[in-house]
């Protein structure tokens, strides 16, 4: 009986820790969600868009789930590179190269380029290709 009680309590704590509910704001008392009202949801989305644009980005749906994210271009996008240390983002191959082969690439244009298939260049050598949805 004690084991079941302990297991139930532990499961409850774990589920609460994994909750996707945003934390309450100290100033407002709670965070507005679409469930609160359409007006609150619209105000949240507008503020998010303003913040993203102020940072030089645009809101775009990304990945398989089409989750809207702020996409900010990297200042060194398109620059020739041979390693991640040459770029703000990743150093990516322009065309697929055999893994381990000597290669150069170009600096990643923005964070949205993390989706789809890509091949990193590190230390002047092509790495394996990875695909992310």
C-alpha atoms as a PDB file:
ATOM      1  CA  UNK A   1       0.000   0.000   0.000  1.00  0.00           C
ATOM      2  CA  UNK A   2       2.812   2.419   0.861  1.00  0.00           C
ATOM      3  CA  UNK A   3       4.511   1.697  -2.455  1.00  0.00           C
ATOM      4  CA  UNK A   4       1.351   2.607  -4.398  1.00  0.00           C
ATOM      5  CA  UNK A   5       0.962   5.830  -2.426  1.00  0.00           C
ATOM      6  CA  UNK A   6       4.609   6.745  -2.993  1.00  0.00           C
ATOM      7  CA  UNK A   7       4.421   5.824  -6.697  1.00  0.00           C
ATOM      8  CA  UNK A   8       1.266   7.936  -7.153  1.00  0.00           C
ATOM      9  CA  UNK A   9       2.855  10.892  -5.385  1.00  0.00           C
ATOM     10  CA  UNK A  10       6.075  10.599  -7.429  1.00  0.00           C
ATOM     11  CA  UNK A  11       4.105  10.351 -10.668  1.00  0.00           C
ATOM     12  CA  UNK A  12       2.085  13.437  -9.734  1.00  0.00           C
ATOM     13  CA  UNK A  13       5.258  15.433  -9.041  1.00  0.00           C
ATOM     14  CA  UNK A  14       6.819  14.321 -12.336  1.00  0.00           C
ATOM     15  CA  UNK A  15       3.711  15.208 -14.330  1.00  0.00           C
ATOM     16  CA  UNK A  16       3.502  18.621 -12.683  1.00  0.00           C
ATOM     17  CA  UNK A  17       7.166  19.275 -13.538  1.00  0.00           C
ATOM     18  CA  UNK A  18       6.500  18.413 -17.190  1.00  0.00           C
ATOM     19  CA  UNK A  19       3.473  20.679 -17.464  1.00  0.00           C
ATOM     20  CA  UNK A  20       3.480  22.983 -20.487  1.00  0.00           C
ATOM     21  CA  UNK A  21       1.485  25.633 -18.638  1.00  0.00           C
ATOM     22  CA  UNK A  22       3.515  28.853 -18.575  1.00  0.00           C
ATOM     23  CA  UNK A  23       4.506  30.161 -15.150  1.00  0.00           C
ATOM     24  CA  UNK A  24       2.447  32.928 -13.636  1.00  0.00           C
ATOM     25  CA  UNK A  25       3.751  36.449 -14.047  1.00  0.00           C
ATOM     26  CA  UNK A  26       4.510  38.228 -10.783  1.00  0.00           C
ATOM     27  CA  UNK A  27       3.205  41.538 -12.163  1.00  0.00           C
ATOM     28  CA  UNK A  28      -0.064  40.359 -13.673  1.00  0.00           C
ATOM     29  CA  UNK A  29      -0.742  37.436 -11.362  1.00  0.00           C
ATOM     30  CA  UNK A  30      -1.403  35.093 -14.310  1.00  0.00           C
ATOM     31  CA  UNK A  31      -0.424  34.679 -17.944  1.00  0.00           C
ATOM     32  CA  UNK A  32      -3.101  35.306 -20.559  1.00  0.00           C
ATOM     33  CA  UNK A  33      -3.899  32.367 -22.810  1.00  0.00           C
ATOM     34  CA  UNK A  34      -6.287  31.745 -25.691  1.00  0.00           C
ATOM     35  CA  UNK A  35      -8.569  30.036 -23.151  1.00  0.00           C
ATOM     36  CA  UNK A  36      -8.868  33.334 -21.214  1.00  0.00           C
ATOM     37  CA  UNK A  37     -10.303  35.308 -24.116  1.00  0.00           C
ATOM     38  CA  UNK A  38      -9.742  35.889 -27.824  1.00  0.00           C
ATOM     39  CA  UNK A  39      -8.691  39.462 -26.986  1.00  0.00           C
ATOM     40  CA  UNK A  40      -5.980  38.270 -24.577  1.00  0.00           C
ATOM     41  CA  UNK A  41      -4.692  35.783 -27.137  1.00  0.00           C
ATOM     42  CA  UNK A  42      -4.592  38.465 -29.858  1.00  0.00           C
ATOM     43  CA  UNK A  43      -2.768  40.896 -27.540  1.00  0.00           C
ATOM     44  CA  UNK A  44      -0.207  38.195 -26.686  1.00  0.00           C
ATOM     45  CA  UNK A  45       0.412  37.386 -30.364  1.00  0.00           C
ATOM     46  CA  UNK A  46       0.721  41.074 -31.255  1.00  0.00           C
ATOM     47  CA  UNK A  47       3.262  41.661 -28.450  1.00  0.00           C
ATOM     48  CA  UNK A  48       5.197  38.592 -29.564  1.00  0.00           C
ATOM     49  CA  UNK A  49       5.270  39.889 -33.160  1.00  0.00           C
ATOM     50  CA  UNK A  50       6.418  43.358 -32.036  1.00  0.00           C
ATOM     51  CA  UNK A  51       9.211  41.851 -29.905  1.00  0.00           C
ATOM     52  CA  UNK A  52      10.346  39.611 -32.766  1.00  0.00           C
ATOM     53  CA  UNK A  53      10.399  42.480 -35.292  1.00  0.00           C
ATOM     54  CA  UNK A  54      12.295  44.680 -32.809  1.00  0.00           C
ATOM     55  CA  UNK A  55      14.980  41.967 -32.727  1.00  0.00           C
ATOM     56  CA  UNK A  56      15.145  42.024 -36.542  1.00  0.00           C
ATOM     57  CA  UNK A  57      13.127  38.874 -37.126  1.00  0.00           C
ATOM     58  CA  UNK A  58       9.807  37.638 -38.422  1.00  0.00           C
ATOM     59  CA  UNK A  59       7.373  35.112 -36.987  1.00  0.00           C
ATOM     60  CA  UNK A  60       7.278  32.006 -39.188  1.00  0.00           C
ATOM     61  CA  UNK A  61       5.783  28.514 -38.862  1.00  0.00           C
ATOM     62  CA  UNK A  62       8.663  26.008 -38.683  1.00  0.00           C
ATOM     63  CA  UNK A  63       9.116  22.262 -38.659  1.00  0.00           C
ATOM     64  CA  UNK A  64       6.647  19.472 -39.109  1.00  0.00           C
ATOM     65  CA  UNK A  65       4.374  20.893 -36.404  1.00  0.00           C
ATOM     66  CA  UNK A  66       4.483  24.357 -38.017  1.00  0.00           C
ATOM     67  CA  UNK A  67       5.105  25.946 -34.608  1.00  0.00           C
ATOM     68  CA  UNK A  68       5.416  29.718 -35.004  1.00  0.00           C
ATOM     69  CA  UNK A  69       8.874  30.954 -33.986  1.00  0.00           C
ATOM     70  CA  UNK A  70      10.799  34.182 -34.266  1.00  0.00           C
ATOM     71  CA  UNK A  71      13.334  33.787 -37.081  1.00  0.00           C
ATOM     72  CA  UNK A  72      16.255  36.224 -36.882  1.00  0.00           C
ATOM     73  CA  UNK A  73      18.823  36.192 -39.707  1.00  0.00           C
ATOM     74  CA  UNK A  74      22.468  35.734 -38.719  1.00  0.00           C
ATOM     75  CA  UNK A  75      24.707  38.713 -39.537  1.00  0.00           C
ATOM     76  CA  UNK A  76      27.279  36.461 -41.247  1.00  0.00           C
ATOM     77  CA  UNK A  77      24.767  34.446 -43.309  1.00  0.00           C
ATOM     78  CA  UNK A  78      26.253  33.158 -46.563  1.00  0.00           C
ATOM     79  CA  UNK A  79      29.874  33.846 -45.550  1.00  0.00           C
ATOM     80  CA  UNK A  80      32.372  31.150 -46.583  1.00  0.00           C
ATOM     81  CA  UNK A  81      33.434  28.936 -43.668  1.00  0.00           C
ATOM     82  CA  UNK A  82      35.316  25.787 -42.743  1.00  0.00           C
ATOM     83  CA  UNK A  83      34.114  25.380 -39.139  1.00  0.00           C
ATOM     84  CA  UNK A  84      31.315  26.419 -36.770  1.00  0.00           C
ATOM     85  CA  UNK A  85      33.743  28.829 -35.094  1.00  0.00           C
ATOM     86  CA  UNK A  86      33.650  30.897 -38.320  1.00  0.00           C
ATOM     87  CA  UNK A  87      29.878  31.482 -37.976  1.00  0.00           C
ATOM     88  CA  UNK A  88      27.198  32.717 -35.591  1.00  0.00           C
ATOM     89  CA  UNK A  89      25.167  29.621 -36.495  1.00  0.00           C
ATOM     90  CA  UNK A  90      26.443  26.440 -38.144  1.00  0.00           C
ATOM     91  CA  UNK A  91      28.841  26.076 -41.074  1.00  0.00           C
ATOM     92  CA  UNK A  92      26.790  24.132 -43.638  1.00  0.00           C
ATOM     93  CA  UNK A  93      27.746  22.358 -46.852  1.00  0.00           C
ATOM     94  CA  UNK A  94      26.299  23.921 -50.005  1.00  0.00           C
ATOM     95  CA  UNK A  95      25.922  20.484 -51.620  1.00  0.00           C
ATOM     96  CA  UNK A  96      26.183  17.014 -50.094  1.00  0.00           C
ATOM     97  CA  UNK A  97      29.793  15.899 -49.623  1.00  0.00           C
ATOM     98  CA  UNK A  98      31.112  12.512 -48.500  1.00  0.00           C
ATOM     99  CA  UNK A  99      31.456  12.550 -44.698  1.00  0.00           C
ATOM    100  CA  UNK A 100      35.093  13.057 -43.709  1.00  0.00           C
ATOM    101  CA  UNK A 101      36.048  14.733 -46.994  1.00  0.00           C
ATOM    102  CA  UNK A 102      37.812  18.104 -46.960  1.00  0.00           C
ATOM    103  CA  UNK A 103      35.167  20.761 -47.606  1.00  0.00           C
ATOM    104  CA  UNK A 104      34.128  24.358 -47.111  1.00  0.00           C
ATOM    105  CA  UNK A 105      30.620  25.633 -46.596  1.00  0.00           C
ATOM    106  CA  UNK A 106      28.591  28.746 -45.950  1.00  0.00           C
ATOM    107  CA  UNK A 107      27.374  30.182 -42.661  1.00  0.00           C
ATOM    108  CA  UNK A 108      23.767  29.309 -41.802  1.00  0.00           C
ATOM    109  CA  UNK A 109      21.273  32.001 -42.846  1.00  0.00           C
ATOM    110  CA  UNK A 110      18.998  31.798 -39.745  1.00  0.00           C
ATOM    111  CA  UNK A 111      17.654  29.452 -37.104  1.00  0.00           C
ATOM    112  CA  UNK A 112      14.955  28.087 -39.455  1.00  0.00           C
ATOM    113  CA  UNK A 113      17.676  26.333 -41.414  1.00  0.00           C
ATOM    114  CA  UNK A 114      17.815  23.768 -38.572  1.00  0.00           C
ATOM    115  CA  UNK A 115      14.820  22.017 -40.134  1.00  0.00           C
ATOM    116  CA  UNK A 116      15.109  19.697 -43.125  1.00  0.00           C
ATOM    117  CA  UNK A 117      18.327  17.927 -44.132  1.00  0.00           C
ATOM    118  CA  UNK A 118      21.697  19.572 -43.664  1.00  0.00           C
ATOM    119  CA  UNK A 119      25.352  18.678 -43.475  1.00  0.00           C
ATOM    120  CA  UNK A 120      27.720  20.525 -41.156  1.00  0.00           C
ATOM    121  CA  UNK A 121      31.327  21.361 -41.929  1.00  0.00           C
ATOM    122  CA  UNK A 122      33.658  21.283 -38.931  1.00  0.00           C
ATOM    123  CA  UNK A 123      37.427  21.540 -38.876  1.00  0.00           C
ATOM    124  CA  UNK A 124      37.426  21.773 -42.673  1.00  0.00           C
ATOM    125  CA  UNK A 125      35.771  18.351 -43.026  1.00  0.00           C
ATOM    126  CA  UNK A 126      32.232  17.338 -43.912  1.00  0.00           C
ATOM    127  CA  UNK A 127      30.226  15.713 -41.155  1.00  0.00           C
ATOM    128  CA  UNK A 128      27.320  13.294 -41.576  1.00  0.00           C
ATOM    129  CA  UNK A 129      24.004  14.534 -42.942  1.00  0.00           C
ATOM    130  CA  UNK A 130      21.165  15.022 -40.447  1.00  0.00           C
ATOM    131  CA  UNK A 131      17.463  15.537 -41.134  1.00  0.00           C
ATOM    132  CA  UNK A 132      15.210  17.286 -38.579  1.00  0.00           C
ATOM    133  CA  UNK A 133      11.439  17.671 -38.806  1.00  0.00           C
END
